[in-house]
Structures are given as structure tokens and as C-alpha cells.
Amino acid sequence: MHILMIFLDGVGLGADDPQTNPFAVADMPVLTALTNGRRWLAGIGRQQSERAIFVPTDAGLGVPGRPQSASGQAAILTGRNVPQLIGEHYGPRPNEAIRKILAEDNIFKQVVAADKTAALLEAYPPRFHEAINSGKRLRSSYQQALHEAGLPLFEESHIYNGDALSVDWIGVGWRKELGYTDTPVYTPWEAGKRLVELSRRYDFSFFSHWYTDVIGHRGPFEEGVRILELFDGVMAGVLEHWRDDEGLVLVTSDHGNMEDLSHSKHTENPVPTLIIGHGKEAFADGFEKLTDFAPRIQTLLVGQGVGDSTP
């Protein structure tokens, strides 16, 4: 049993509006096949197909206001109602209170404590590491959780060696945005295949794609459509190479954003959760909110769950 979690920052279930919601128009045949032909929109409800279960997931956790990245990601990784504990939704990066909660326990720490392996499968360029090490930049909640477990953030060499992927899966960003000329570039299908291959090295692996949240804040609409269609191609590679009996693939988000480009703020919409693989029915049983991830993952990988799973 191993688990691959694919995290899409800032993706919710919004209105069927082709003017404001990229999910209403993007060509996503692979993903919609997993949800019985239904687009990932408000009102989709729970869906079960041969390979997957889809669950609209509560990101608000009973706390008023728009969910935010730091507290939402921490809720996913700890199973604790972090917004309730700190009295607000908070982000984008964790404050001292959230960092303390992540230091107390999180999925990465649980896996390592059980003598199992875990990794964050994307790599970061030298200037990112320099900013973190100098204190000029705070880690995100998932990066902080990794750090608290004593695990490294991958770097440039891991991109060249094929031991990690770039945040855009296919590697174009390292060339277009960072100025590299010889880093690997993959097709979406190849990136999905590579993601599965890398996940097999670890008991728990996490891949974070934050660009969806950037699009949610800045647009444009066409870029939202492009990235969803790219992700659909990545998932084609994932599904072709993932053996359902080897464990679970989980796809989810921390809050809504990109599904409503009529404004630049987060939304209060539920987020999508896709559960693929052996044991999906048990994992989905009673699953409703972001705090439901950690106890289930830890039960599968460690034998016991943590987190208060408070509504």
C-alpha cells in the first residue's frame, strides 16, 4: 500500500458559467469519465465509477469567511480543524500558530515515525531555497509539514536526474520562467507516468500544483482552461500506469478560487476530492471535509489515525 496525493491549490466546485468558470468549458475527458460524464461543477454530488469515487468536500470547516491556503492545507495534513483552533481562516503561508500545530503532528511526521518513507515530489530552484534558508520567505503549510518531519525539499539536481517534477508537471516552466535551457520537458502523459513511477519509491508522496491558485487570483480565463486540459493529460498518464491494487491516488484542494474568475478572491465553495484505487470505498465512507484526510491516510499507512476531525 502506498498513497499518492495530488494537490491542486485553489480549486472549487463552482457554477456552470462558461464566462467565469474554466471547468464549465475545458475539455477534460479523462477526469469527467471518472465522474460518470459529469463536469466538476456545483451540484455534481458524490459520484462513483469503476475506478474512482468523487466527493464534494467541505473546506469551510464551520468557520465563517473564505477558506485560505495555510489553514486549509494544515487541516488536510493534520486532520485537525486548524481554522477553528486559531479562530480564523489564514493564509497564504502559515503563521506561528499554524506552524506550531504542524510541528506537533502531521502526515509526514507520522509516516517517518513509523519507519516508512515520504516525499514532496516537486523540486524548487536555487533562489527558492536561498529565500527559505535566509528567512526571507516562509514555507507553505505542506512544505512546513515536510520540514517538521526532517525531510528535504527537492532541488535543481532532482529535476535533472528525473527524481522530481516541476510544479507544472511537464517542466516547461523551468525553461520559460527560470531561464533553463536543458532541463527535462515531458508531455502531459509522460509526466503522469513519471509521477506514478516516483510515487512507488515512497509510502506517502505529495505533489502540489499551486499555479491553479495563481490563475484564480490573476486569470486569465483561457489560462485556466489550458491548465485544466493539461492536468487531464497528466491524469491520463497516471491512470494508465497506476495499478489499483497498489494503493490510492488522491486528488484534492484546500479552497475554491479558480472556478470563479468573475473576481480575484477565494470562494466558499466545496472542493473536489477524487479517490482512485483499491480501498476507495472504505476511504470514502463518511468522508465529508478536509480534516477527514489525515486520519484515513494514517490508518492505512501507520495503523492509527490522528486529528480531531472536528466539523
Protein backbone atom coordinates (compact mmCIF):
# COMPACT_ATOMS: atom_id res chain seq x y z
CA MET A 1 0.00 0.00 0.00
CA HIS A 2 1.24 3.44 -0.90
CA ILE A 3 -0.55 6.73 -1.41
CA LEU A 4 -0.03 9.47 -3.97
CA MET A 5 -1.75 12.75 -3.12
CA ILE A 6 -2.06 15.28 -5.94
CA PHE A 7 -2.92 18.67 -4.54
CA LEU A 8 -4.41 21.44 -6.70
CA ASP A 9 -4.31 24.75 -4.88
CA GLY A 10 -7.41 26.93 -5.16
CA VAL A 11 -9.88 24.72 -6.98
CA GLY A 12 -13.54 24.55 -6.00
CA LEU A 13 -16.85 23.40 -7.42
CA GLY A 14 -18.48 26.45 -9.00
CA ALA A 15 -21.38 27.48 -11.18
CA ASP A 16 -21.89 26.16 -14.69
CA ASP A 17 -20.92 29.50 -16.18
CA PRO A 18 -18.82 29.39 -19.36
CA GLN A 19 -17.88 33.04 -18.88
CA THR A 20 -16.31 32.71 -15.43
CA ASN A 21 -15.62 29.02 -14.71
CA PRO A 22 -12.92 27.19 -16.73
CA PHE A 23 -14.36 23.88 -15.51
CA ALA A 24 -17.53 24.65 -17.49
CA VAL A 25 -15.73 24.62 -20.83
CA ALA A 26 -12.39 22.79 -20.50
CA ASP A 27 -12.06 19.53 -22.43
CA MET A 28 -11.37 17.02 -19.64
CA PRO A 29 -12.40 13.60 -20.99
CA VAL A 30 -10.21 11.61 -18.60
CA LEU A 31 -11.42 13.32 -15.45
CA THR A 32 -15.08 13.51 -16.43
CA ALA A 33 -15.03 9.80 -17.32
CA LEU A 34 -14.16 9.18 -13.67
CA THR A 35 -17.26 11.13 -12.64
CA ASN A 36 -19.73 9.42 -14.98
CA GLY A 37 -19.51 12.13 -17.61
CA ARG A 38 -20.31 14.90 -15.14
CA ARG A 39 -18.25 18.08 -15.18
CA TRP A 40 -16.63 19.18 -11.91
CA LEU A 41 -19.26 21.81 -11.10
CA ALA A 42 -21.57 22.80 -8.28
CA GLY A 43 -24.28 20.19 -7.80
CA ILE A 44 -22.24 17.28 -9.13
CA GLY A 45 -22.77 15.38 -5.88
CA ARG A 46 -20.99 12.18 -4.97
CA GLN A 47 -20.07 10.10 -7.99
CA GLN A 48 -18.78 6.55 -8.17
CA SER A 49 -17.34 4.96 -11.28
CA GLU A 50 -15.36 1.78 -11.82
CA ARG A 51 -12.04 3.35 -10.85
CA ALA A 52 -12.92 6.35 -8.71
CA ILE A 53 -15.14 7.95 -6.11
CA PHE A 54 -15.67 11.70 -6.25
CA VAL A 55 -16.68 13.62 -3.12
CA PRO A 56 -17.55 17.34 -2.89
CA THR A 57 -15.58 18.30 0.20
CA ASP A 58 -16.21 20.94 2.86
CA ALA A 59 -13.28 23.39 3.09
CA GLY A 60 -15.03 25.85 5.42
CA LEU A 61 -14.98 23.56 8.47
CA GLY A 62 -17.68 25.55 10.23
CA VAL A 63 -15.60 28.73 10.41
CA PRO A 64 -17.08 31.87 8.80
CA GLY A 65 -15.27 33.53 5.93
CA ARG A 66 -13.33 32.48 2.86
CA PRO A 67 -11.05 29.46 3.39
CA GLN A 68 -7.34 30.17 2.99
CA SER A 69 -4.31 28.16 1.93
CA ALA A 70 -2.25 27.88 5.13
CA SER A 71 -5.07 26.77 7.41
CA GLY A 72 -6.70 24.57 4.75
CA GLN A 73 -3.51 22.74 3.88
CA ALA A 74 -2.73 22.28 7.57
CA ALA A 75 -6.19 20.79 8.12
CA ILE A 76 -5.55 18.29 5.32
CA LEU A 77 -2.15 17.29 6.70
CA THR A 78 -3.03 17.11 10.40
CA GLY A 79 -6.68 16.08 10.50
CA ARG A 80 -7.29 18.94 12.93
CA ASN A 81 -9.73 21.78 12.41
CA VAL A 82 -6.99 24.38 12.13
CA PRO A 83 -9.25 27.36 11.29
CA GLN A 84 -11.33 26.62 14.36
CA LEU A 85 -8.25 26.18 16.55
CA ILE A 86 -6.73 29.53 15.54
CA GLY A 87 -10.07 31.33 15.25
CA GLU A 88 -9.92 32.18 11.54
CA HIS A 89 -9.05 31.07 8.05
CA TYR A 90 -5.45 32.12 7.47
CA GLY A 91 -3.02 32.29 4.59
CA PRO A 92 -1.32 32.12 2.28
CA ARG A 93 1.59 30.91 4.44
CA PRO A 94 1.33 29.57 7.99
CA ASN A 95 1.63 31.90 10.95
CA GLU A 96 3.25 30.87 14.21
CA ALA A 97 0.08 29.19 15.50
CA ILE A 98 -0.27 27.02 12.39
CA ARG A 99 3.43 26.18 12.36
CA LYS A 100 3.08 25.00 15.96
CA ILE A 101 0.17 22.73 15.02
CA LEU A 102 2.17 21.28 12.11
CA ALA A 103 5.15 20.72 14.40
CA GLU A 104 3.02 18.77 16.86
CA ASP A 105 1.96 16.21 14.26
CA ASN A 106 1.24 15.79 10.58
CA ILE A 107 1.07 13.03 7.98
CA PHE A 108 4.74 13.32 7.02
CA LYS A 109 5.82 13.05 10.67
CA GLN A 110 3.56 10.05 11.27
CA VAL A 111 4.92 8.18 8.26
CA VAL A 112 8.55 8.86 9.18
CA ALA A 113 7.93 7.90 12.82
CA ALA A 114 6.62 4.54 11.60
CA ASP A 115 9.90 3.94 9.70
CA LYS A 116 8.20 4.47 6.38
CA THR A 117 9.10 6.82 3.56
CA ALA A 118 7.58 10.07 2.33
CA ALA A 119 8.41 12.86 -0.09
CA LEU A 120 7.20 16.02 -1.76
CA LEU A 121 7.64 15.18 -5.43
CA GLU A 122 8.21 18.65 -6.88
CA ALA A 123 11.56 20.43 -6.94
CA TYR A 124 12.44 24.07 -6.38
CA PRO A 125 15.14 26.27 -7.95
CA PRO A 126 18.19 27.58 -6.05
CA ARG A 127 16.73 31.03 -5.41
CA PHE A 128 13.72 29.49 -3.67
CA HIS A 129 15.98 27.50 -1.33
CA GLU A 130 18.08 30.62 -0.69
CA ALA A 131 14.98 32.60 0.27
CA ILE A 132 13.80 29.88 2.64
CA ASN A 133 17.22 29.38 4.24
CA SER A 134 17.74 33.12 4.71
CA GLY A 135 14.35 33.58 6.35
CA LYS A 136 13.14 35.92 3.62
CA ARG A 137 10.37 33.50 2.66
CA LEU A 138 8.13 31.30 4.79
CA ARG A 139 7.40 27.74 3.78
CA SER A 140 3.86 26.85 2.78
CA SER A 141 1.99 24.56 5.16
CA TYR A 142 2.81 21.41 3.19
CA GLN A 143 6.47 22.45 2.94
CA GLN A 144 6.50 23.17 6.67
CA ALA A 145 4.96 19.76 7.40
CA LEU A 146 7.72 18.14 5.34
CA HIS A 147 10.35 20.17 7.22
CA GLU A 148 8.94 19.15 10.60
CA ALA A 149 9.40 15.52 9.56
CA GLY A 150 13.06 16.15 8.78
CA LEU A 151 12.57 15.60 5.06
CA PRO A 152 14.20 17.74 2.35
CA LEU A 153 12.72 19.92 -0.32
CA PHE A 154 14.00 18.68 -3.66
CA GLU A 155 16.18 20.97 -5.75
CA GLU A 156 17.61 21.58 -9.18
CA SER A 157 19.64 18.36 -9.29
CA HIS A 158 16.49 16.30 -8.74
CA ILE A 159 14.92 17.89 -11.83
CA TYR A 160 17.92 16.94 -13.96
CA ASN A 161 18.03 13.40 -12.52
CA GLY A 162 14.31 12.82 -13.04
CA ASP A 163 13.86 12.33 -9.29
CA ALA A 164 11.27 15.10 -9.08
CA LEU A 165 8.96 17.12 -11.33
CA SER A 166 8.38 20.83 -11.71
CA VAL A 167 5.22 22.43 -10.40
CA ASP A 168 3.71 22.47 -13.92
CA TRP A 169 4.31 18.71 -14.24
CA ILE A 170 5.79 18.98 -17.72
CA GLY A 171 8.87 21.11 -17.00
CA VAL A 172 8.17 23.98 -19.38
CA GLY A 173 8.15 26.49 -16.52
CA TRP A 174 11.78 25.84 -15.63
CA ARG A 175 12.73 26.86 -19.16
CA LYS A 176 10.20 29.62 -19.80
CA GLU A 177 10.13 31.25 -16.37
CA LEU A 178 13.50 30.33 -14.85
CA GLY A 179 15.72 30.50 -17.91
CA TYR A 180 16.97 26.92 -18.01
CA THR A 181 17.78 25.51 -21.44
CA ASP A 182 18.49 21.85 -20.75
CA THR A 183 16.10 20.69 -18.03
CA PRO A 184 13.77 17.79 -18.93
CA VAL A 185 10.48 18.51 -20.66
CA TYR A 186 7.70 15.92 -20.70
CA THR A 187 4.40 15.52 -22.45
CA PRO A 188 1.47 15.55 -20.01
CA TRP A 189 1.09 11.77 -20.40
CA GLU A 190 4.81 11.24 -19.73
CA ALA A 191 4.59 13.47 -16.66
CA GLY A 192 1.71 11.40 -15.32
CA LYS A 193 3.67 8.22 -15.89
CA ARG A 194 6.69 9.71 -14.14
CA LEU A 195 4.55 10.82 -11.22
CA VAL A 196 3.41 7.24 -10.69
CA GLU A 197 6.94 5.89 -11.02
CA LEU A 198 8.26 8.37 -8.45
CA SER A 199 5.39 7.63 -6.07
CA ARG A 200 6.38 3.97 -5.97
CA ARG A 201 9.60 4.91 -4.18
CA TYR A 202 7.66 6.11 -1.14
CA ASP A 203 4.87 5.03 1.17
CA PHE A 204 3.39 8.53 1.03
CA SER A 205 4.06 11.07 -1.68
CA PHE A 206 2.57 14.52 -2.17
CA PHE A 207 2.63 16.65 -5.30
CA SER A 208 1.48 20.24 -5.06
CA HIS A 209 0.37 22.33 -8.02
CA TRP A 210 -0.06 25.94 -6.88
CA TYR A 211 -0.49 27.55 -10.28
CA THR A 212 -4.25 26.98 -10.28
CA ASP A 213 -4.47 29.40 -7.32
CA VAL A 214 -2.35 31.95 -9.18
CA ILE A 215 -4.78 31.79 -12.10
CA GLY A 216 -7.67 32.15 -9.67
CA HIS A 217 -6.23 35.43 -8.43
CA ARG A 218 -4.95 36.82 -11.72
CA GLY A 219 -6.58 34.97 -14.62
CA PRO A 220 -6.85 34.92 -17.50
CA PHE A 221 -9.75 32.59 -18.16
CA GLU A 222 -8.01 30.97 -21.14
CA GLU A 223 -5.07 30.02 -18.94
CA GLY A 224 -7.43 28.29 -16.53
CA VAL A 225 -8.83 26.24 -19.40
CA ARG A 226 -5.32 25.41 -20.63
CA ILE A 227 -4.07 24.19 -17.26
CA LEU A 228 -7.15 22.01 -16.69
CA GLU A 229 -6.71 20.36 -20.08
CA LEU A 230 -3.02 19.85 -19.33
CA PHE A 231 -3.90 18.23 -15.99
CA ASP A 232 -6.37 15.97 -17.76
CA GLY A 233 -3.48 14.75 -19.92
CA VAL A 234 -1.34 14.20 -16.83
CA MET A 235 -4.10 12.13 -15.28
CA ALA A 236 -4.30 10.03 -18.46
CA GLY A 237 -0.70 9.01 -17.80
CA VAL A 238 -1.37 8.46 -14.11
CA LEU A 239 -4.38 6.23 -14.71
CA GLU A 240 -2.69 4.16 -17.39
CA HIS A 241 0.28 3.33 -15.17
CA TRP A 242 -1.32 3.17 -11.72
CA ARG A 243 -2.32 -0.33 -10.65
CA ASP A 244 -5.38 -0.02 -8.47
CA ASP A 245 -4.17 -2.80 -6.18
CA GLU A 246 -1.02 -0.86 -5.23
CA GLY A 247 -2.80 1.79 -3.20
CA LEU A 248 -4.64 5.08 -3.57
CA VAL A 249 -4.35 8.20 -5.68
CA LEU A 250 -5.99 11.18 -4.01
CA VAL A 251 -6.74 14.47 -5.77
CA THR A 252 -8.00 17.45 -3.77
CA SER A 253 -7.69 21.15 -2.97
CA ASP A 254 -7.63 23.50 0.01
CA HIS A 255 -10.21 26.11 -1.03
CA GLY A 256 -12.09 27.42 -4.01
CA ASN A 257 -10.74 30.13 -6.32
CA MET A 258 -10.13 29.31 -9.98
CA GLU A 259 -13.71 28.14 -10.54
CA ASP A 260 -14.97 31.73 -10.31
CA LEU A 261 -12.89 34.19 -12.30
CA SER A 262 -15.51 36.94 -12.02
CA HIS A 263 -13.35 38.18 -9.12
CA SER A 264 -9.86 37.59 -7.74
CA LYS A 265 -10.75 36.28 -4.28
CA HIS A 266 -11.15 32.83 -2.83
CA THR A 267 -14.62 31.29 -2.69
CA GLU A 268 -16.56 29.40 -0.05
CA ASN A 269 -17.40 26.58 -2.46
CA PRO A 270 -16.72 22.94 -1.61
CA VAL A 271 -13.60 21.50 -3.20
CA PRO A 272 -13.30 18.32 -5.28
CA THR A 273 -11.85 15.13 -3.87
CA LEU A 274 -11.12 12.23 -6.19
CA ILE A 275 -10.25 8.82 -4.69
CA ILE A 276 -8.75 6.22 -7.03
CA GLY A 277 -7.61 2.68 -6.32
CA HIS A 278 -8.05 -0.29 -4.04
CA GLY A 279 -9.88 0.57 -0.84
CA LYS A 280 -11.54 3.67 -2.28
CA GLU A 281 -14.93 2.68 -0.86
CA ALA A 282 -13.58 2.42 2.69
CA PHE A 283 -11.68 5.69 2.34
CA ALA A 284 -14.78 7.48 1.03
CA ASP A 285 -17.10 6.07 3.69
CA GLY A 286 -18.13 9.04 5.84
CA PHE A 287 -15.66 11.33 4.10
CA GLU A 288 -17.00 14.90 4.02
CA LYS A 289 -14.36 17.53 4.90
CA LEU A 290 -10.68 18.42 4.71
CA THR A 291 -9.99 17.08 8.19
CA ASP A 292 -11.03 13.60 7.06
CA PHE A 293 -7.86 13.00 5.03
CA ALA A 294 -5.19 12.58 7.70
CA PRO A 295 -6.92 10.00 9.93
CA ARG A 296 -7.66 7.78 6.93
CA ILE A 297 -4.20 8.10 5.42
CA GLN A 298 -2.50 7.41 8.73
CA THR A 299 -4.73 4.43 9.43
CA LEU A 300 -3.78 2.93 6.08
CA LEU A 301 -0.05 3.63 6.30
CA VAL A 302 0.68 3.65 10.00
CA GLY A 303 -2.14 1.68 11.57
CA GLN A 304 -3.60 4.52 13.56
CA GLY A 305 -5.03 7.91 12.82
CA VAL A 306 -4.59 11.29 14.46
CA GLY A 307 -6.53 14.52 14.30
CA ASP A 308 -9.73 15.59 15.94
CA SER A 309 -11.71 15.63 12.67
CA THR A 310 -13.90 18.32 14.23
CA PRO A 311 -16.66 19.57 11.91
